[in-house]
Amino acid sequence: MLDVPHVKLSKDKPARLTLTLWGTLAAGEPDPTSRIFARLFKGQEPTYLAELRAAFRRAAKDDRVSQLAVDLGTLQGSMTDYAELHRIIREFRASGKKVTTLLTQGDDWSFYVASAGDRIILNPASPLELMGPGFHRSEEHTSELQSH
């Protein structure tokens, strides 16, 4: 669940909405029972992409929000989760409001998510490791091709 602090905003003085995302990304709808247990035992609750999408859509339509800053902490998720988060940010950006993404550390997938915004801010002391796709050639397979 996204706990957004109560801030008084007005259409006359729109403000930047800042969200910090960290932990596990989860597809689907949140389960009320697991939420209760997470709060009772102070467990980490995942960030549900469906809730995030709904919050971003509301913010995109809200005249009190002028722009969005997304602080991407350490996230765990599948490639599909990262792609969906990228789409959610791009959808918000399509509303005409600017998006700034902040990276504490970068890898292939966090940089991919951050690239959905208008601007990426990376602390100069933070590592950025972009490995890219890798291709391997199997010697077994190569020998097989040469013998034919």
C-alpha atoms as a PDB file:
ATOM      1  CA  MET A   1       0.000   0.000   0.000  1.00  0.00           C
ATOM      2  CA  LEU A   2       1.224   3.473  -0.767  1.00  0.00           C
ATOM      3  CA  ASP A   3       1.214   5.677   2.285  1.00  0.00           C
ATOM      4  CA  VAL A   4       1.377   9.215   0.966  1.00  0.00           C
ATOM      5  CA  PRO A   5       1.721  11.890   3.648  1.00  0.00           C
ATOM      6  CA  HIS A   6      -1.098  14.417   3.881  1.00  0.00           C
ATOM      7  CA  VAL A   7       0.046  17.622   2.261  1.00  0.00           C
ATOM      8  CA  LYS A   8      -2.148  20.608   1.600  1.00  0.00           C
ATOM      9  CA  LEU A   9      -2.021  21.340  -2.105  1.00  0.00           C
ATOM     10  CA  SER A  10      -3.903  23.845  -4.176  1.00  0.00           C
ATOM     11  CA  LYS A  11      -4.497  24.438  -7.850  1.00  0.00           C
ATOM     12  CA  ASP A  12      -2.942  27.891  -7.424  1.00  0.00           C
ATOM     13  CA  LYS A  13       0.324  26.431  -6.089  1.00  0.00           C
ATOM     14  CA  PRO A  14       0.778  22.956  -7.561  1.00  0.00           C
ATOM     15  CA  ALA A  15       3.566  20.907  -6.062  1.00  0.00           C
ATOM     16  CA  ARG A  16       5.912  18.119  -6.997  1.00  0.00           C
ATOM     17  CA  LEU A  17       4.784  14.703  -5.800  1.00  0.00           C
ATOM     18  CA  THR A  18       7.722  12.606  -4.572  1.00  0.00           C
ATOM     19  CA  LEU A  19       7.457   8.835  -4.166  1.00  0.00           C
ATOM     20  CA  THR A  20      10.170   6.555  -2.853  1.00  0.00           C
ATOM     21  CA  LEU A  21       9.956   3.024  -4.208  1.00  0.00           C
ATOM     22  CA  TRP A  22      11.940   0.186  -2.660  1.00  0.00           C
ATOM     23  CA  GLY A  23      11.488  -3.442  -1.829  1.00  0.00           C
ATOM     24  CA  THR A  24       9.577  -6.040  -3.782  1.00  0.00           C
ATOM     25  CA  LEU A  25       7.392  -5.215  -6.770  1.00  0.00           C
ATOM     26  CA  ALA A  26       4.264  -7.349  -7.016  1.00  0.00           C
ATOM     27  CA  ALA A  27       1.787  -7.846  -9.815  1.00  0.00           C
ATOM     28  CA  GLY A  28      -1.864  -8.412  -9.034  1.00  0.00           C
ATOM     29  CA  GLU A  29      -4.044  -7.096  -6.281  1.00  0.00           C
ATOM     30  CA  PRO A  30      -2.992  -6.856  -2.636  1.00  0.00           C
ATOM     31  CA  ASP A  31      -4.184  -9.543  -0.252  1.00  0.00           C
ATOM     32  CA  PRO A  32      -5.762  -8.033   2.902  1.00  0.00           C
ATOM     33  CA  THR A  33      -4.593 -10.921   5.098  1.00  0.00           C
ATOM     34  CA  SER A  34      -0.936 -10.587   4.141  1.00  0.00           C
ATOM     35  CA  ARG A  35      -1.214  -6.840   4.705  1.00  0.00           C
ATOM     36  CA  ILE A  36      -2.447  -7.381   8.242  1.00  0.00           C
ATOM     37  CA  PHE A  37       0.351  -9.845   9.022  1.00  0.00           C
ATOM     38  CA  ALA A  38       2.979  -7.536   7.508  1.00  0.00           C
ATOM     39  CA  ARG A  39       1.823  -4.689   9.728  1.00  0.00           C
ATOM     40  CA  LEU A  40       1.471  -6.837  12.855  1.00  0.00           C
ATOM     41  CA  PHE A  41       4.912  -8.384  12.499  1.00  0.00           C
ATOM     42  CA  LYS A  42       6.557  -5.330  10.919  1.00  0.00           C
ATOM     43  CA  GLY A  43       7.271  -7.211   7.729  1.00  0.00           C
ATOM     44  CA  GLN A  44       8.009  -5.517   4.463  1.00  0.00           C
ATOM     45  CA  GLU A  45       4.919  -5.189   2.360  1.00  0.00           C
ATOM     46  CA  PRO A  46       5.433  -5.363  -1.424  1.00  0.00           C
ATOM     47  CA  THR A  47       4.651  -2.456  -3.710  1.00  0.00           C
ATOM     48  CA  TYR A  48       1.665  -3.539  -5.769  1.00  0.00           C
ATOM     49  CA  LEU A  49       1.856  -2.312  -9.338  1.00  0.00           C
ATOM     50  CA  ALA A  50      -1.946  -2.084  -9.605  1.00  0.00           C
ATOM     51  CA  GLU A  51      -2.050   0.374  -6.685  1.00  0.00           C
ATOM     52  CA  LEU A  52       0.896   2.293  -8.066  1.00  0.00           C
ATOM     53  CA  ARG A  53      -0.784   2.571 -11.471  1.00  0.00           C
ATOM     54  CA  ALA A  54      -4.003   3.890  -9.863  1.00  0.00           C
ATOM     55  CA  ALA A  55      -2.051   6.440  -7.779  1.00  0.00           C
ATOM     56  CA  PHE A  56      -0.116   7.678 -10.817  1.00  0.00           C
ATOM     57  CA  ARG A  57      -3.304   8.003 -12.853  1.00  0.00           C
ATOM     58  CA  ARG A  58      -4.942  10.054 -10.086  1.00  0.00           C
ATOM     59  CA  ALA A  59      -1.858  12.272  -9.829  1.00  0.00           C
ATOM     60  CA  ALA A  60      -1.787  12.755 -13.623  1.00  0.00           C
ATOM     61  CA  LYS A  61      -5.340  14.141 -13.521  1.00  0.00           C
ATOM     62  CA  ASP A  62      -4.848  16.179 -10.337  1.00  0.00           C
ATOM     63  CA  ASP A  63      -4.219  19.880 -11.045  1.00  0.00           C
ATOM     64  CA  ARG A  64      -2.537  20.219  -7.642  1.00  0.00           C
ATOM     65  CA  VAL A  65       0.340  17.994  -8.811  1.00  0.00           C
ATOM     66  CA  SER A  66       2.733  19.758 -11.173  1.00  0.00           C
ATOM     67  CA  GLN A  67       5.372  17.053 -11.580  1.00  0.00           C
ATOM     68  CA  LEU A  68       6.523  13.730 -10.220  1.00  0.00           C
ATOM     69  CA  ALA A  69       9.813  12.695  -8.629  1.00  0.00           C
ATOM     70  CA  VAL A  70      10.355   8.952  -8.287  1.00  0.00           C
ATOM     71  CA  ASP A  71      13.165   7.873  -5.975  1.00  0.00           C
ATOM     72  CA  LEU A  72      14.099   4.368  -7.092  1.00  0.00           C
ATOM     73  CA  GLY A  73      15.642   2.550  -4.184  1.00  0.00           C
ATOM     74  CA  THR A  74      16.651  -1.087  -4.228  1.00  0.00           C
ATOM     75  CA  LEU A  75      13.858  -2.914  -6.035  1.00  0.00           C
ATOM     76  CA  GLN A  76      13.299  -6.616  -6.495  1.00  0.00           C
ATOM     77  CA  GLY A  77      11.042  -7.876  -9.229  1.00  0.00           C
ATOM     78  CA  SER A  78      10.830  -9.757 -12.474  1.00  0.00           C
ATOM     79  CA  MET A  79      11.601  -8.332 -15.896  1.00  0.00           C
ATOM     80  CA  THR A  80       7.844  -8.071 -16.409  1.00  0.00           C
ATOM     81  CA  ASP A  81       7.468  -6.050 -13.192  1.00  0.00           C
ATOM     82  CA  TYR A  82      10.193  -3.614 -14.265  1.00  0.00           C
ATOM     83  CA  ALA A  83       8.639  -3.267 -17.719  1.00  0.00           C
ATOM     84  CA  GLU A  84       5.251  -2.560 -16.146  1.00  0.00           C
ATOM     85  CA  LEU A  85       6.740   0.082 -13.823  1.00  0.00           C
ATOM     86  CA  HIS A  86       8.388   1.666 -16.878  1.00  0.00           C
ATOM     87  CA  ARG A  87       4.972   1.757 -18.627  1.00  0.00           C
ATOM     88  CA  ILE A  88       3.291   3.279 -15.563  1.00  0.00           C
ATOM     89  CA  ILE A  89       5.832   6.123 -15.454  1.00  0.00           C
ATOM     90  CA  ARG A  90       5.550   6.707 -19.224  1.00  0.00           C
ATOM     91  CA  GLU A  91       1.762   6.827 -18.925  1.00  0.00           C
ATOM     92  CA  PHE A  92       2.049   9.526 -16.254  1.00  0.00           C
ATOM     93  CA  ARG A  93       4.532  11.421 -18.415  1.00  0.00           C
ATOM     94  CA  ALA A  94       2.069  11.326 -21.334  1.00  0.00           C
ATOM     95  CA  SER A  95      -0.190  13.595 -19.247  1.00  0.00           C
ATOM     96  CA  GLY A  96       2.278  16.402 -19.991  1.00  0.00           C
ATOM     97  CA  LYS A  97       3.725  16.534 -16.478  1.00  0.00           C
ATOM     98  CA  LYS A  98       7.468  16.165 -15.981  1.00  0.00           C
ATOM     99  CA  VAL A  99       8.980  13.125 -14.296  1.00  0.00           C
ATOM    100  CA  THR A 100      12.362  13.105 -12.572  1.00  0.00           C
ATOM    101  CA  THR A 101      13.793   9.764 -11.496  1.00  0.00           C
ATOM    102  CA  LEU A 102      16.435   9.506  -8.805  1.00  0.00           C
ATOM    103  CA  LEU A 103      18.782   6.526  -8.641  1.00  0.00           C
ATOM    104  CA  THR A 104      20.787   5.639  -5.553  1.00  0.00           C
ATOM    105  CA  GLN A 105      22.546   2.919  -7.494  1.00  0.00           C
ATOM    106  CA  GLY A 106      22.011   1.751 -11.015  1.00  0.00           C
ATOM    107  CA  ASP A 107      21.863  -1.536 -12.792  1.00  0.00           C
ATOM    108  CA  ASP A 108      20.315  -2.542 -16.107  1.00  0.00           C
ATOM    109  CA  TRP A 109      16.741  -2.751 -14.849  1.00  0.00           C
ATOM    110  CA  SER A 110      16.670   0.235 -12.514  1.00  0.00           C
ATOM    111  CA  PHE A 111      18.193   2.363 -15.286  1.00  0.00           C
ATOM    112  CA  TYR A 112      15.563   1.020 -17.688  1.00  0.00           C
ATOM    113  CA  VAL A 113      12.794   2.075 -15.283  1.00  0.00           C
ATOM    114  CA  ALA A 114      14.462   5.465 -14.738  1.00  0.00           C
ATOM    115  CA  SER A 115      14.661   6.045 -18.495  1.00  0.00           C
ATOM    116  CA  ALA A 116      10.872   6.385 -18.573  1.00  0.00           C
ATOM    117  CA  GLY A 117      11.208   9.817 -16.992  1.00  0.00           C
ATOM    118  CA  ASP A 118      12.257  13.128 -18.487  1.00  0.00           C
ATOM    119  CA  ARG A 119      15.373  13.386 -16.357  1.00  0.00           C
ATOM    120  CA  ILE A 120      17.551  10.961 -14.380  1.00  0.00           C
ATOM    121  CA  ILE A 121      19.507  12.061 -11.329  1.00  0.00           C
ATOM    122  CA  LEU A 122      22.274   9.754 -10.110  1.00  0.00           C
ATOM    123  CA  ASN A 123      24.476  10.572  -7.139  1.00  0.00           C
ATOM    124  CA  PRO A 124      28.025  10.963  -8.539  1.00  0.00           C
ATOM    125  CA  ALA A 125      29.345   8.586  -5.854  1.00  0.00           C
ATOM    126  CA  SER A 126      26.813   5.895  -6.725  1.00  0.00           C
ATOM    127  CA  PRO A 127      27.722   2.949  -8.920  1.00  0.00           C
ATOM    128  CA  LEU A 128      26.117   2.508 -12.324  1.00  0.00           C
ATOM    129  CA  GLU A 129      26.619  -0.942 -13.798  1.00  0.00           C
ATOM    130  CA  LEU A 130      25.099  -1.471 -17.223  1.00  0.00           C
ATOM    131  CA  MET A 131      26.012  -4.919 -18.423  1.00  0.00           C
ATOM    132  CA  GLY A 132      23.730  -5.143 -21.431  1.00  0.00           C
ATOM    133  CA  PRO A 133      22.854  -8.366 -23.205  1.00  0.00           C
ATOM    134  CA  GLY A 134      25.390 -11.157 -23.246  1.00  0.00           C
ATOM    135  CA  PHE A 135      26.033 -13.671 -25.981  1.00  0.00           C
ATOM    136  CA  HIS A 136      27.874 -16.934 -25.463  1.00  0.00           C
ATOM    137  CA  ARG A 137      29.236 -19.305 -27.987  1.00  0.00           C
ATOM    138  CA  SER A 138      29.336 -22.928 -27.007  1.00  0.00           C
ATOM    139  CA  GLU A 139      32.451 -24.783 -28.178  1.00  0.00           C
ATOM    140  CA  GLU A 140      30.389 -27.951 -28.398  1.00  0.00           C
ATOM    141  CA  HIS A 141      27.907 -26.290 -30.737  1.00  0.00           C
ATOM    142  CA  THR A 142      30.712 -24.715 -32.793  1.00  0.00           C
ATOM    143  CA  SER A 143      32.441 -28.097 -33.272  1.00  0.00           C
ATOM    144  CA  GLU A 144      29.168 -29.624 -34.381  1.00  0.00           C
ATOM    145  CA  LEU A 145      28.681 -26.906 -37.001  1.00  0.00           C
ATOM    146  CA  GLN A 146      32.225 -27.295 -38.337  1.00  0.00           C
ATOM    147  CA  SER A 147      31.929 -31.062 -38.778  1.00  0.00           C
ATOM    148  CA  HIS A 148      28.982 -30.818 -41.165  1.00  0.00           C
END
